[in-house]
Amino acid sequence: MEGLSAAAITYYVVGLVGYAAKGLKAFGWPVNVDLAMAFSIPLVALAALLGVRHVRKVVTRAAS
């Protein structure tokens, strides 16, 4: 279940990165939206996985 949650979070946040990149491009910044999204995937995925694991450990510890 942990991996599925991290995947869903990654999908959502990378979508937000895409919207932010499109906004920057609309302001005239030289941003390649596709590359911004592609480069954000590993960073976001790692952060999401570590975050979900941390939350699971805290909840498990509190339930004990």
N, C-alpha and C. Protein backbone atom coordinates (compact mmCIF):
# COMPACT_ATOMS: atom_id res chain seq x y z
N MET A 1 0.82 -1.19 0.00
CA MET A 1 0.00 0.00 0.00
C MET A 1 0.87 1.27 0.00
N GLU A 2 2.02 1.14 0.60
CA GLU A 2 2.94 2.27 0.70
C GLU A 2 3.37 2.77 -0.68
N GLY A 3 3.68 1.85 -1.58
CA GLY A 3 4.11 2.23 -2.92
C GLY A 3 2.99 2.88 -3.72
N LEU A 4 1.77 2.39 -3.54
CA LEU A 4 0.63 2.97 -4.25
C LEU A 4 0.38 4.41 -3.80
N SER A 5 0.50 4.65 -2.50
CA SER A 5 0.32 6.01 -1.99
C SER A 5 1.40 6.94 -2.53
N ALA A 6 2.64 6.48 -2.54
CA ALA A 6 3.73 7.29 -3.06
C ALA A 6 3.55 7.57 -4.55
N ALA A 7 3.05 6.59 -5.28
CA ALA A 7 2.81 6.79 -6.72
C ALA A 7 1.71 7.82 -6.95
N ALA A 8 0.65 7.76 -6.15
CA ALA A 8 -0.44 8.72 -6.31
C ALA A 8 0.02 10.13 -5.96
N ILE A 9 0.79 10.26 -4.91
CA ILE A 9 1.32 11.57 -4.51
C ILE A 9 2.24 12.10 -5.61
N THR A 10 3.10 11.24 -6.13
CA THR A 10 4.02 11.64 -7.19
C THR A 10 3.27 12.13 -8.41
N TYR A 11 2.25 11.40 -8.83
CA TYR A 11 1.45 11.78 -9.99
C TYR A 11 0.82 13.16 -9.79
N TYR A 12 0.27 13.40 -8.62
CA TYR A 12 -0.39 14.66 -8.32
C TYR A 12 0.61 15.81 -8.28
N VAL A 13 1.72 15.64 -7.59
CA VAL A 13 2.69 16.73 -7.43
C VAL A 13 3.39 17.04 -8.76
N VAL A 14 3.69 16.03 -9.56
CA VAL A 14 4.30 16.28 -10.86
C VAL A 14 3.33 17.06 -11.75
N GLY A 15 2.05 16.78 -11.63
CA GLY A 15 1.05 17.58 -12.34
C GLY A 15 1.09 19.04 -11.91
N LEU A 16 1.24 19.27 -10.60
CA LEU A 16 1.37 20.65 -10.10
C LEU A 16 2.63 21.32 -10.62
N VAL A 17 3.71 20.57 -10.70
CA VAL A 17 4.95 21.11 -11.26
C VAL A 17 4.72 21.53 -12.71
N GLY A 18 3.96 20.73 -13.44
CA GLY A 18 3.64 21.06 -14.83
C GLY A 18 2.86 22.36 -14.93
N TYR A 19 1.86 22.53 -14.05
CA TYR A 19 1.09 23.78 -14.06
C TYR A 19 1.97 24.97 -13.70
N ALA A 20 2.86 24.78 -12.73
CA ALA A 20 3.77 25.87 -12.35
C ALA A 20 4.71 26.22 -13.50
N ALA A 21 5.21 25.21 -14.19
CA ALA A 21 6.11 25.45 -15.33
C ALA A 21 5.37 26.17 -16.46
N LYS A 22 4.11 25.80 -16.69
CA LYS A 22 3.31 26.48 -17.71
C LYS A 22 3.08 27.93 -17.34
N GLY A 23 2.88 28.18 -16.05
CA GLY A 23 2.72 29.56 -15.58
C GLY A 23 3.98 30.38 -15.79
N LEU A 24 5.13 29.79 -15.47
CA LEU A 24 6.39 30.50 -15.69
C LEU A 24 6.61 30.77 -17.17
N LYS A 25 6.25 29.81 -18.00
CA LYS A 25 6.40 29.99 -19.45
C LYS A 25 5.49 31.12 -19.94
N ALA A 26 4.29 31.22 -19.38
CA ALA A 26 3.36 32.28 -19.76
C ALA A 26 3.89 33.66 -19.37
N PHE A 27 4.72 33.71 -18.32
CA PHE A 27 5.33 34.97 -17.90
C PHE A 27 6.56 35.31 -18.72
N GLY A 28 6.92 34.43 -19.65
CA GLY A 28 8.05 34.72 -20.53
C GLY A 28 9.35 34.02 -20.16
N TRP A 29 9.33 33.18 -19.14
CA TRP A 29 10.54 32.45 -18.76
C TRP A 29 10.77 31.34 -19.78
N PRO A 30 12.01 31.08 -20.12
CA PRO A 30 12.31 30.01 -21.10
C PRO A 30 12.27 28.62 -20.44
N VAL A 31 11.07 28.12 -20.19
CA VAL A 31 10.89 26.86 -19.48
C VAL A 31 10.36 25.80 -20.45
N ASN A 32 11.00 24.65 -20.47
CA ASN A 32 10.47 23.51 -21.21
C ASN A 32 9.62 22.70 -20.23
N VAL A 33 8.32 22.76 -20.39
CA VAL A 33 7.39 22.16 -19.45
C VAL A 33 7.60 20.65 -19.34
N ASP A 34 7.78 20.00 -20.47
CA ASP A 34 7.96 18.55 -20.45
C ASP A 34 9.22 18.14 -19.70
N LEU A 35 10.30 18.87 -19.91
CA LEU A 35 11.55 18.55 -19.20
C LEU A 35 11.43 18.85 -17.70
N ALA A 36 10.76 19.93 -17.36
CA ALA A 36 10.57 20.26 -15.94
C ALA A 36 9.81 19.14 -15.23
N MET A 37 8.78 18.63 -15.89
CA MET A 37 8.01 17.54 -15.29
C MET A 37 8.84 16.26 -15.22
N ALA A 38 9.58 15.97 -16.28
CA ALA A 38 10.38 14.75 -16.31
C ALA A 38 11.47 14.76 -15.24
N PHE A 39 12.14 15.90 -15.07
CA PHE A 39 13.19 15.98 -14.07
C PHE A 39 12.64 15.97 -12.65
N SER A 40 11.39 16.39 -12.47
CA SER A 40 10.82 16.41 -11.13
C SER A 40 10.38 15.03 -10.66
N ILE A 41 10.14 14.11 -11.57
CA ILE A 41 9.61 12.80 -11.19
C ILE A 41 10.48 12.06 -10.17
N PRO A 42 11.79 11.88 -10.41
CA PRO A 42 12.58 11.14 -9.42
C PRO A 42 12.66 11.85 -8.07
N LEU A 43 12.78 13.17 -8.10
CA LEU A 43 12.86 13.92 -6.84
C LEU A 43 11.56 13.82 -6.05
N VAL A 44 10.46 14.01 -6.74
CA VAL A 44 9.15 13.94 -6.08
C VAL A 44 8.87 12.52 -5.59
N ALA A 45 9.20 11.53 -6.41
CA ALA A 45 8.95 10.14 -6.03
C ALA A 45 9.74 9.76 -4.78
N LEU A 46 10.99 10.15 -4.72
CA LEU A 46 11.81 9.86 -3.55
C LEU A 46 11.26 10.56 -2.30
N ALA A 47 10.92 11.83 -2.44
CA ALA A 47 10.37 12.57 -1.31
C ALA A 47 9.04 11.96 -0.85
N ALA A 48 8.20 11.56 -1.78
CA ALA A 48 6.91 10.97 -1.43
C ALA A 48 7.10 9.63 -0.72
N LEU A 49 8.00 8.81 -1.24
CA LEU A 49 8.24 7.50 -0.62
C LEU A 49 8.78 7.66 0.80
N LEU A 50 9.74 8.54 0.96
CA LEU A 50 10.30 8.77 2.30
C LEU A 50 9.26 9.36 3.24
N GLY A 51 8.44 10.26 2.74
CA GLY A 51 7.39 10.86 3.55
C GLY A 51 6.34 9.86 3.98
N VAL A 52 5.90 9.01 3.07
CA VAL A 52 4.90 7.99 3.40
C VAL A 52 5.47 7.00 4.40
N ARG A 53 6.71 6.60 4.23
CA ARG A 53 7.34 5.67 5.19
C ARG A 53 7.44 6.30 6.57
N HIS A 54 7.80 7.57 6.62
CA HIS A 54 7.92 8.26 7.91
C HIS A 54 6.57 8.32 8.62
N VAL A 55 5.54 8.69 7.88
CA VAL A 55 4.20 8.77 8.48
C VAL A 55 3.77 7.40 8.98
N ARG A 56 4.02 6.35 8.20
CA ARG A 56 3.64 5.00 8.62
C ARG A 56 4.36 4.61 9.92
N LYS A 57 5.65 4.93 10.02
CA LYS A 57 6.40 4.60 11.23
C LYS A 57 5.88 5.36 12.43
N VAL A 58 5.56 6.63 12.25
CA VAL A 58 5.03 7.43 13.37
C VAL A 58 3.68 6.90 13.82
N VAL A 59 2.83 6.57 12.88
CA VAL A 59 1.50 6.05 13.25
C VAL A 59 1.63 4.69 13.92
N THR A 60 2.50 3.84 13.41
CA THR A 60 2.70 2.52 14.00
C THR A 60 3.25 2.65 15.41
N ARG A 61 4.18 3.55 15.61
CA ARG A 61 4.77 3.77 16.94
C ARG A 61 3.73 4.31 17.91
N ALA A 62 2.86 5.20 17.44
CA ALA A 62 1.84 5.79 18.31
C ALA A 62 0.77 4.78 18.67
N ALA A 63 0.51 3.81 17.80
CA ALA A 63 -0.52 2.80 18.06
C ALA A 63 -0.04 1.74 19.05
N SER A 64 1.26 1.61 19.21
CA SER A 64 1.81 0.58 20.11
C SER A 64 1.72 0.95 21.56
